[in-house]
Amino acid sequence: MTHESAPVRGTVENLSTSEATALLGASPVGRLGVAIAGEVDIFPVNHVLDDGDVLFTTAPGSKLAELTVSTRVVFEVDGWDDDVAWSVVARGTARVLDHESDVLHAESLGLESWSSTRKSAWVRVSPDAVSGRRIYRTGTDPEAW
């Protein structure tokens, strides 16, 4: 008789690229990281996933200004429940959508912003690398044996 045991509590598992990409859209809030002239900023954003790309809206301000200076970004999203926690990081290029057809497509994706601030600019992050990890929070604990 074969018995599959639950992963040991605290076990860390690297996700495949496809698993990590799927999880990019699993949480409504992610964090955009940008670096300009040696300064690093992180911005929480509501986002949607479109064919592996991350889309979000923003208003004029530091985030939009920084994206026009440096298009290389990192995007992070995470989540957890009683059994597992996970984190995904996507590294890639951001571009502000300026063609009407691109904006109309983005608007059709159903993004819901938690902020009441009017955000008129759409940004698409196209990852060239996506990685992630899963950490098991429950399961067999060798300390309990």
C-alpha atoms as a PDB file:
ATOM      1  CA  MET A   1       0.000   0.000   0.000  1.00  0.00           C
ATOM      2  CA  THR A   2       1.429   3.345  -1.059  1.00  0.00           C
ATOM      3  CA  HIS A   3       0.848   6.313   1.181  1.00  0.00           C
ATOM      4  CA  GLU A   4       1.489   9.827  -0.025  1.00  0.00           C
ATOM      5  CA  SER A   5       2.226  12.115   2.879  1.00  0.00           C
ATOM      6  CA  ALA A   6       1.607  15.821   2.988  1.00  0.00           C
ATOM      7  CA  PRO A   7       4.624  18.053   2.421  1.00  0.00           C
ATOM      8  CA  VAL A   8       6.542  18.922   5.551  1.00  0.00           C
ATOM      9  CA  ARG A   9       5.528  22.249   7.098  1.00  0.00           C
ATOM     10  CA  GLY A  10       7.897  24.953   5.869  1.00  0.00           C
ATOM     11  CA  THR A  11       8.885  23.085   2.706  1.00  0.00           C
ATOM     12  CA  VAL A  12       9.692  25.492  -0.125  1.00  0.00           C
ATOM     13  CA  GLU A  13       8.890  24.461  -3.688  1.00  0.00           C
ATOM     14  CA  ASN A  14       9.926  26.300  -6.847  1.00  0.00           C
ATOM     15  CA  LEU A  15       7.012  26.805  -9.224  1.00  0.00           C
ATOM     16  CA  SER A  16       7.178  26.045 -12.918  1.00  0.00           C
ATOM     17  CA  THR A  17       7.001  29.064 -15.212  1.00  0.00           C
ATOM     18  CA  SER A  18       3.441  28.153 -16.234  1.00  0.00           C
ATOM     19  CA  GLU A  19       2.306  27.795 -12.589  1.00  0.00           C
ATOM     20  CA  ALA A  20       3.950  31.106 -11.670  1.00  0.00           C
ATOM     21  CA  THR A  21       2.427  32.889 -14.667  1.00  0.00           C
ATOM     22  CA  ALA A  22      -1.039  31.586 -13.791  1.00  0.00           C
ATOM     23  CA  LEU A  23      -0.670  32.906 -10.240  1.00  0.00           C
ATOM     24  CA  LEU A  24       0.151  36.421 -11.494  1.00  0.00           C
ATOM     25  CA  GLY A  25      -3.581  36.939 -11.932  1.00  0.00           C
ATOM     26  CA  ALA A  26      -4.658  35.144  -8.749  1.00  0.00           C
ATOM     27  CA  SER A  27      -4.540  38.195  -6.488  1.00  0.00           C
ATOM     28  CA  PRO A  28      -6.160  41.560  -7.243  1.00  0.00           C
ATOM     29  CA  VAL A  29      -3.193  43.546  -5.872  1.00  0.00           C
ATOM     30  CA  GLY A  30       0.430  43.324  -6.926  1.00  0.00           C
ATOM     31  CA  ARG A  31       3.495  45.488  -6.449  1.00  0.00           C
ATOM     32  CA  LEU A  32       5.345  47.275  -9.222  1.00  0.00           C
ATOM     33  CA  GLY A  33       9.036  47.909  -8.575  1.00  0.00           C
ATOM     34  CA  VAL A  34      11.044  50.461 -10.546  1.00  0.00           C
ATOM     35  CA  ALA A  35      14.588  51.791 -10.160  1.00  0.00           C
ATOM     36  CA  ILE A  36      15.593  55.243 -11.384  1.00  0.00           C
ATOM     37  CA  ALA A  37      19.045  56.764 -10.832  1.00  0.00           C
ATOM     38  CA  GLY A  38      19.805  54.429  -7.935  1.00  0.00           C
ATOM     39  CA  GLU A  39      16.474  55.016  -6.190  1.00  0.00           C
ATOM     40  CA  VAL A  40      13.984  52.153  -5.906  1.00  0.00           C
ATOM     41  CA  ASP A  41      10.218  52.606  -5.625  1.00  0.00           C
ATOM     42  CA  ILE A  42       7.461  50.076  -5.068  1.00  0.00           C
ATOM     43  CA  PHE A  43       3.843  50.819  -5.908  1.00  0.00           C
ATOM     44  CA  PRO A  44       0.834  48.644  -5.039  1.00  0.00           C
ATOM     45  CA  VAL A  45      -1.528  48.361  -8.001  1.00  0.00           C
ATOM     46  CA  ASN A  46      -4.728  46.558  -8.904  1.00  0.00           C
ATOM     47  CA  HIS A  47      -4.056  44.566 -12.044  1.00  0.00           C
ATOM     48  CA  VAL A  48      -5.370  42.022 -14.528  1.00  0.00           C
ATOM     49  CA  LEU A  49      -3.583  39.393 -16.545  1.00  0.00           C
ATOM     50  CA  ASP A  50      -3.832  39.317 -20.349  1.00  0.00           C
ATOM     51  CA  ASP A  51      -2.090  36.475 -22.166  1.00  0.00           C
ATOM     52  CA  GLY A  52       0.728  36.438 -19.596  1.00  0.00           C
ATOM     53  CA  ASP A  53       1.111  40.224 -19.468  1.00  0.00           C
ATOM     54  CA  VAL A  54       0.176  42.335 -16.445  1.00  0.00           C
ATOM     55  CA  LEU A  55      -2.030  45.393 -17.055  1.00  0.00           C
ATOM     56  CA  PHE A  56      -2.867  48.178 -14.636  1.00  0.00           C
ATOM     57  CA  THR A  57      -3.999  51.781 -14.682  1.00  0.00           C
ATOM     58  CA  THR A  58      -2.270  54.784 -13.188  1.00  0.00           C
ATOM     59  CA  ALA A  59      -2.728  58.522 -12.866  1.00  0.00           C
ATOM     60  CA  PRO A  60      -0.158  61.161 -13.775  1.00  0.00           C
ATOM     61  CA  GLY A  61       2.484  61.270 -11.058  1.00  0.00           C
ATOM     62  CA  SER A  62       5.712  59.654  -9.958  1.00  0.00           C
ATOM     63  CA  LYS A  63       4.846  56.116 -11.083  1.00  0.00           C
ATOM     64  CA  LEU A  64       4.012  57.190 -14.624  1.00  0.00           C
ATOM     65  CA  ALA A  65       6.990  59.558 -14.780  1.00  0.00           C
ATOM     66  CA  GLU A  66       9.375  56.823 -13.617  1.00  0.00           C
ATOM     67  CA  LEU A  67       8.033  54.407 -16.234  1.00  0.00           C
ATOM     68  CA  THR A  68       8.847  56.908 -18.978  1.00  0.00           C
ATOM     69  CA  VAL A  69      12.457  57.116 -17.736  1.00  0.00           C
ATOM     70  CA  SER A  70      13.055  53.396 -17.199  1.00  0.00           C
ATOM     71  CA  THR A  71      10.862  50.724 -18.729  1.00  0.00           C
ATOM     72  CA  ARG A  72      12.571  47.797 -16.953  1.00  0.00           C
ATOM     73  CA  VAL A  73      10.400  46.758 -14.014  1.00  0.00           C
ATOM     74  CA  VAL A  74       9.688  43.971 -11.603  1.00  0.00           C
ATOM     75  CA  PHE A  75       6.162  42.953 -10.620  1.00  0.00           C
ATOM     76  CA  GLU A  76       5.398  40.864  -7.539  1.00  0.00           C
ATOM     77  CA  VAL A  77       2.207  39.222  -6.345  1.00  0.00           C
ATOM     78  CA  ASP A  78       1.609  36.840  -3.466  1.00  0.00           C
ATOM     79  CA  GLY A  79      -1.109  35.054  -1.567  1.00  0.00           C
ATOM     80  CA  TRP A  80      -1.802  32.506   1.110  1.00  0.00           C
ATOM     81  CA  ASP A  81      -4.408  30.338   2.754  1.00  0.00           C
ATOM     82  CA  ASP A  82      -4.359  27.897   5.674  1.00  0.00           C
ATOM     83  CA  ASP A  83      -2.243  25.391   3.739  1.00  0.00           C
ATOM     84  CA  VAL A  84       0.209  27.262   1.514  1.00  0.00           C
ATOM     85  CA  ALA A  85       1.742  30.649   0.829  1.00  0.00           C
ATOM     86  CA  TRP A  86       3.181  31.652  -2.525  1.00  0.00           C
ATOM     87  CA  SER A  87       5.045  34.483  -4.172  1.00  0.00           C
ATOM     88  CA  VAL A  88       5.615  35.224  -7.858  1.00  0.00           C
ATOM     89  CA  VAL A  89       8.044  37.713  -9.402  1.00  0.00           C
ATOM     90  CA  ALA A  90       7.901  38.820 -13.044  1.00  0.00           C
ATOM     91  CA  ARG A  91      10.748  40.808 -14.568  1.00  0.00           C
ATOM     92  CA  GLY A  92      10.128  42.622 -17.808  1.00  0.00           C
ATOM     93  CA  THR A  93       9.362  45.748 -19.741  1.00  0.00           C
ATOM     94  CA  ALA A  94       6.555  48.228 -19.101  1.00  0.00           C
ATOM     95  CA  ARG A  95       4.966  50.405 -21.720  1.00  0.00           C
ATOM     96  CA  VAL A  96       2.157  52.923 -21.570  1.00  0.00           C
ATOM     97  CA  LEU A  97      -0.634  51.987 -23.983  1.00  0.00           C
ATOM     98  CA  ASP A  98      -1.123  54.786 -26.478  1.00  0.00           C
ATOM     99  CA  HIS A  99      -3.100  53.153 -29.303  1.00  0.00           C
ATOM    100  CA  GLU A 100      -6.873  53.394 -28.961  1.00  0.00           C
ATOM    101  CA  SER A 101      -7.369  49.722 -29.868  1.00  0.00           C
ATOM    102  CA  ASP A 102      -4.932  48.650 -27.110  1.00  0.00           C
ATOM    103  CA  VAL A 103      -6.704  50.838 -24.540  1.00  0.00           C
ATOM    104  CA  LEU A 104     -10.149  49.549 -25.576  1.00  0.00           C
ATOM    105  CA  HIS A 105      -8.909  45.961 -25.262  1.00  0.00           C
ATOM    106  CA  ALA A 106      -7.439  46.690 -21.801  1.00  0.00           C
ATOM    107  CA  GLU A 107     -10.704  48.303 -20.690  1.00  0.00           C
ATOM    108  CA  SER A 108     -12.606  45.173 -21.731  1.00  0.00           C
ATOM    109  CA  LEU A 109     -10.638  43.006 -19.265  1.00  0.00           C
ATOM    110  CA  GLY A 110     -12.687  44.060 -16.212  1.00  0.00           C
ATOM    111  CA  LEU A 111     -10.015  45.645 -14.025  1.00  0.00           C
ATOM    112  CA  GLU A 112     -11.487  46.945 -10.762  1.00  0.00           C
ATOM    113  CA  SER A 113      -9.460  49.617  -9.023  1.00  0.00           C
ATOM    114  CA  TRP A 114      -9.766  49.905  -5.261  1.00  0.00           C
ATOM    115  CA  SER A 115      -8.878  53.600  -5.449  1.00  0.00           C
ATOM    116  CA  SER A 116     -11.334  56.371  -6.259  1.00  0.00           C
ATOM    117  CA  THR A 117      -8.551  58.327  -8.008  1.00  0.00           C
ATOM    118  CA  ARG A 118      -9.215  58.640 -11.741  1.00  0.00           C
ATOM    119  CA  LYS A 119      -6.512  56.712 -13.573  1.00  0.00           C
ATOM    120  CA  SER A 120      -6.340  57.515 -17.253  1.00  0.00           C
ATOM    121  CA  ALA A 121      -3.137  55.736 -18.314  1.00  0.00           C
ATOM    122  CA  TRP A 122      -2.986  51.998 -19.006  1.00  0.00           C
ATOM    123  CA  VAL A 123       0.349  50.218 -18.572  1.00  0.00           C
ATOM    124  CA  ARG A 124       1.269  46.764 -19.907  1.00  0.00           C
ATOM    125  CA  VAL A 125       4.135  44.830 -18.311  1.00  0.00           C
ATOM    126  CA  SER A 126       5.459  42.136 -20.640  1.00  0.00           C
ATOM    127  CA  PRO A 127       7.542  39.689 -18.597  1.00  0.00           C
ATOM    128  CA  ASP A 128      10.641  38.076 -20.012  1.00  0.00           C
ATOM    129  CA  ALA A 129      11.172  36.038 -16.821  1.00  0.00           C
ATOM    130  CA  VAL A 130       8.593  34.732 -14.324  1.00  0.00           C
ATOM    131  CA  SER A 131       9.483  32.721 -11.225  1.00  0.00           C
ATOM    132  CA  GLY A 132       7.754  31.767  -8.032  1.00  0.00           C
ATOM    133  CA  ARG A 133       7.829  29.735  -4.853  1.00  0.00           C
ATOM    134  CA  ARG A 134       5.253  27.912  -2.773  1.00  0.00           C
ATOM    135  CA  ILE A 135       5.734  27.408   0.971  1.00  0.00           C
ATOM    136  CA  TYR A 136       3.674  24.758   2.720  1.00  0.00           C
ATOM    137  CA  ARG A 137       2.149  26.059   5.939  1.00  0.00           C
ATOM    138  CA  THR A 138       0.533  22.804   7.046  1.00  0.00           C
ATOM    139  CA  GLY A 139       1.371  19.142   6.760  1.00  0.00           C
ATOM    140  CA  THR A 140       3.541  16.664   8.551  1.00  0.00           C
ATOM    141  CA  ASP A 141       5.652  18.362  11.161  1.00  0.00           C
ATOM    142  CA  PRO A 142       8.665  16.224  12.132  1.00  0.00           C
ATOM    143  CA  GLU A 143       8.886  18.136  15.442  1.00  0.00           C
ATOM    144  CA  ALA A 144       5.519  16.601  16.443  1.00  0.00           C
ATOM    145  CA  TRP A 145       6.723  12.992  16.059  1.00  0.00           C
END
